[in-house]
Amino acid sequence: MADESSAANNASGAANSQGEHIQVKVRSPDGAEVFFKIKRKTKLEKLMEVYCNRLGQSMEAVRFLYDGDRIHGENTPDQLGIEDGDVIDAMVQQTGGNLLF
């Protein structure tokens, strides 16, 4: 009987730990994709820093978007409703621009 109880606890613990992590894809404008496995309650700043470091970009030069809305470092996947397998777009910031006729 005790074995059944501990087995049930272990199974529910495993389910909770699996649900705690999600896999997120970060996609650049050229279509390159980087996959991250993060906890739902982790601030996205960590993901953003690692992504920028891998590409050799500064955090100030890259904008992260989820469903067209800008992501800020203090946001978590739970706050934004990001689910397992979702895509975050990484855009390099452009300044200026001129319309030529």
C-alpha atoms as a PDB file:
ATOM      1  CA  MET A   1       0.000   0.000   0.000  1.00  0.00           C
ATOM      2  CA  ALA A   2       2.800   2.409   0.857  1.00  0.00           C
ATOM      3  CA  ASP A   3       4.524   1.504  -2.403  1.00  0.00           C
ATOM      4  CA  GLU A   4       1.407   2.461  -4.388  1.00  0.00           C
ATOM      5  CA  SER A   5       1.193   5.793  -2.606  1.00  0.00           C
ATOM      6  CA  SER A   6       4.857   6.663  -3.200  1.00  0.00           C
ATOM      7  CA  ALA A   7       4.582   5.561  -6.837  1.00  0.00           C
ATOM      8  CA  ALA A   8       1.561   7.828  -7.301  1.00  0.00           C
ATOM      9  CA  ASN A   9       3.455  10.732  -5.700  1.00  0.00           C
ATOM     10  CA  ASN A  10       6.453  10.117  -7.953  1.00  0.00           C
ATOM     11  CA  ALA A  11       4.231   9.998 -11.042  1.00  0.00           C
ATOM     12  CA  SER A  12       2.484  13.256 -10.131  1.00  0.00           C
ATOM     13  CA  GLY A  13       5.840  14.855  -9.321  1.00  0.00           C
ATOM     14  CA  ALA A  14       7.158  13.839 -12.726  1.00  0.00           C
ATOM     15  CA  ALA A  15       4.084  15.295 -14.420  1.00  0.00           C
ATOM     16  CA  ASN A  16       4.521  18.554 -12.515  1.00  0.00           C
ATOM     17  CA  SER A  17       8.196  18.829 -13.416  1.00  0.00           C
ATOM     18  CA  GLN A  18       7.433  18.183 -17.102  1.00  0.00           C
ATOM     19  CA  GLY A  19       4.704  20.824 -17.082  1.00  0.00           C
ATOM     20  CA  GLU A  20       7.060  23.260 -15.404  1.00  0.00           C
ATOM     21  CA  HIS A  21       9.340  23.446 -18.478  1.00  0.00           C
ATOM     22  CA  ILE A  22       8.455  24.511 -21.994  1.00  0.00           C
ATOM     23  CA  GLN A  23      10.400  24.500 -25.239  1.00  0.00           C
ATOM     24  CA  VAL A  24      10.400  27.823 -27.063  1.00  0.00           C
ATOM     25  CA  LYS A  25      11.736  28.626 -30.512  1.00  0.00           C
ATOM     26  CA  VAL A  26      13.376  32.016 -31.143  1.00  0.00           C
ATOM     27  CA  ARG A  27      13.342  32.910 -34.842  1.00  0.00           C
ATOM     28  CA  SER A  28      15.417  35.618 -36.516  1.00  0.00           C
ATOM     29  CA  PRO A  29      14.263  37.596 -39.579  1.00  0.00           C
ATOM     30  CA  ASP A  30      16.417  35.398 -41.845  1.00  0.00           C
ATOM     31  CA  GLY A  31      14.581  32.295 -40.613  1.00  0.00           C
ATOM     32  CA  ALA A  32      17.325  30.915 -38.341  1.00  0.00           C
ATOM     33  CA  GLU A  33      15.854  29.210 -35.284  1.00  0.00           C
ATOM     34  CA  VAL A  34      17.282  28.641 -31.821  1.00  0.00           C
ATOM     35  CA  PHE A  35      15.495  26.363 -29.355  1.00  0.00           C
ATOM     36  CA  PHE A  36      15.372  26.971 -25.601  1.00  0.00           C
ATOM     37  CA  LYS A  37      13.968  24.876 -22.769  1.00  0.00           C
ATOM     38  CA  ILE A  38      12.920  27.173 -19.934  1.00  0.00           C
ATOM     39  CA  LYS A  39      10.747  27.143 -16.852  1.00  0.00           C
ATOM     40  CA  ARG A  40       7.360  28.819 -17.087  1.00  0.00           C
ATOM     41  CA  LYS A  41       8.174  31.181 -14.212  1.00  0.00           C
ATOM     42  CA  THR A  42      11.677  32.170 -15.392  1.00  0.00           C
ATOM     43  CA  LYS A  43      12.096  35.768 -16.475  1.00  0.00           C
ATOM     44  CA  LEU A  44      12.586  35.922 -20.220  1.00  0.00           C
ATOM     45  CA  GLU A  45      15.587  38.179 -19.715  1.00  0.00           C
ATOM     46  CA  LYS A  46      17.710  35.030 -19.314  1.00  0.00           C
ATOM     47  CA  LEU A  47      16.594  33.663 -22.683  1.00  0.00           C
ATOM     48  CA  MET A  48      17.121  37.072 -24.311  1.00  0.00           C
ATOM     49  CA  GLU A  49      20.662  37.413 -22.926  1.00  0.00           C
ATOM     50  CA  VAL A  50      21.702  33.922 -24.043  1.00  0.00           C
ATOM     51  CA  TYR A  51      20.236  34.463 -27.519  1.00  0.00           C
ATOM     52  CA  CYS A  52      22.039  37.788 -27.963  1.00  0.00           C
ATOM     53  CA  ASN A  53      25.325  36.330 -26.691  1.00  0.00           C
ATOM     54  CA  ARG A  54      25.099  33.437 -29.166  1.00  0.00           C
ATOM     55  CA  LEU A  55      24.617  35.867 -32.043  1.00  0.00           C
ATOM     56  CA  GLY A  56      27.140  38.407 -30.815  1.00  0.00           C
ATOM     57  CA  GLN A  57      24.468  41.115 -30.594  1.00  0.00           C
ATOM     58  CA  SER A  58      23.840  43.550 -27.777  1.00  0.00           C
ATOM     59  CA  MET A  59      20.566  43.338 -25.874  1.00  0.00           C
ATOM     60  CA  GLU A  60      19.795  46.912 -26.952  1.00  0.00           C
ATOM     61  CA  ALA A  61      19.991  46.000 -30.638  1.00  0.00           C
ATOM     62  CA  VAL A  62      17.497  43.107 -30.588  1.00  0.00           C
ATOM     63  CA  ARG A  63      13.742  43.317 -30.019  1.00  0.00           C
ATOM     64  CA  PHE A  64      11.787  40.228 -29.013  1.00  0.00           C
ATOM     65  CA  LEU A  65       8.149  39.837 -30.037  1.00  0.00           C
ATOM     66  CA  TYR A  66       5.492  37.298 -29.133  1.00  0.00           C
ATOM     67  CA  ASP A  67       2.294  37.436 -31.197  1.00  0.00           C
ATOM     68  CA  GLY A  68       3.380  40.862 -32.427  1.00  0.00           C
ATOM     69  CA  ASP A  69       3.752  42.313 -28.927  1.00  0.00           C
ATOM     70  CA  ARG A  70       7.116  43.333 -27.534  1.00  0.00           C
ATOM     71  CA  ILE A  71       8.556  41.162 -24.764  1.00  0.00           C
ATOM     72  CA  HIS A  72      10.283  42.794 -21.817  1.00  0.00           C
ATOM     73  CA  GLY A  73      12.935  41.043 -19.734  1.00  0.00           C
ATOM     74  CA  GLU A  74      10.852  40.969 -16.573  1.00  0.00           C
ATOM     75  CA  ASN A  75       8.039  39.032 -18.305  1.00  0.00           C
ATOM     76  CA  THR A  76       7.667  35.288 -17.784  1.00  0.00           C
ATOM     77  CA  PRO A  77       6.175  32.742 -20.202  1.00  0.00           C
ATOM     78  CA  ASP A  78       3.224  32.313 -17.830  1.00  0.00           C
ATOM     79  CA  GLN A  79       2.495  36.051 -17.836  1.00  0.00           C
ATOM     80  CA  LEU A  80       2.470  36.197 -21.633  1.00  0.00           C
ATOM     81  CA  GLY A  81       0.630  32.907 -22.181  1.00  0.00           C
ATOM     82  CA  ILE A  82       3.583  31.314 -23.987  1.00  0.00           C
ATOM     83  CA  GLU A  83       3.030  27.585 -24.411  1.00  0.00           C
ATOM     84  CA  ASP A  84       5.293  24.669 -25.289  1.00  0.00           C
ATOM     85  CA  GLY A  85       6.432  24.949 -28.912  1.00  0.00           C
ATOM     86  CA  ASP A  86       5.548  28.641 -29.361  1.00  0.00           C
ATOM     87  CA  VAL A  87       7.725  30.990 -31.409  1.00  0.00           C
ATOM     88  CA  ILE A  88       9.316  34.249 -30.281  1.00  0.00           C
ATOM     89  CA  ASP A  89      10.492  36.559 -33.052  1.00  0.00           C
ATOM     90  CA  ALA A  90      13.841  38.318 -32.661  1.00  0.00           C
ATOM     91  CA  MET A  91      14.166  41.500 -34.700  1.00  0.00           C
ATOM     92  CA  VAL A  92      17.269  43.628 -35.062  1.00  0.00           C
ATOM     93  CA  GLN A  93      16.344  47.225 -34.320  1.00  0.00           C
ATOM     94  CA  GLN A  94      16.660  49.685 -37.166  1.00  0.00           C
ATOM     95  CA  THR A  95      16.962  53.393 -36.689  1.00  0.00           C
ATOM     96  CA  GLY A  96      16.152  56.018 -39.216  1.00  0.00           C
ATOM     97  CA  GLY A  97      14.949  55.250 -42.631  1.00  0.00           C
ATOM     98  CA  ASN A  98      14.173  57.481 -45.518  1.00  0.00           C
ATOM     99  CA  LEU A  99      11.525  57.353 -48.164  1.00  0.00           C
ATOM    100  CA  LEU A 100      13.010  57.995 -51.562  1.00  0.00           C
ATOM    101  CA  PHE A 101      10.899  59.067 -54.506  1.00  0.00           C
END
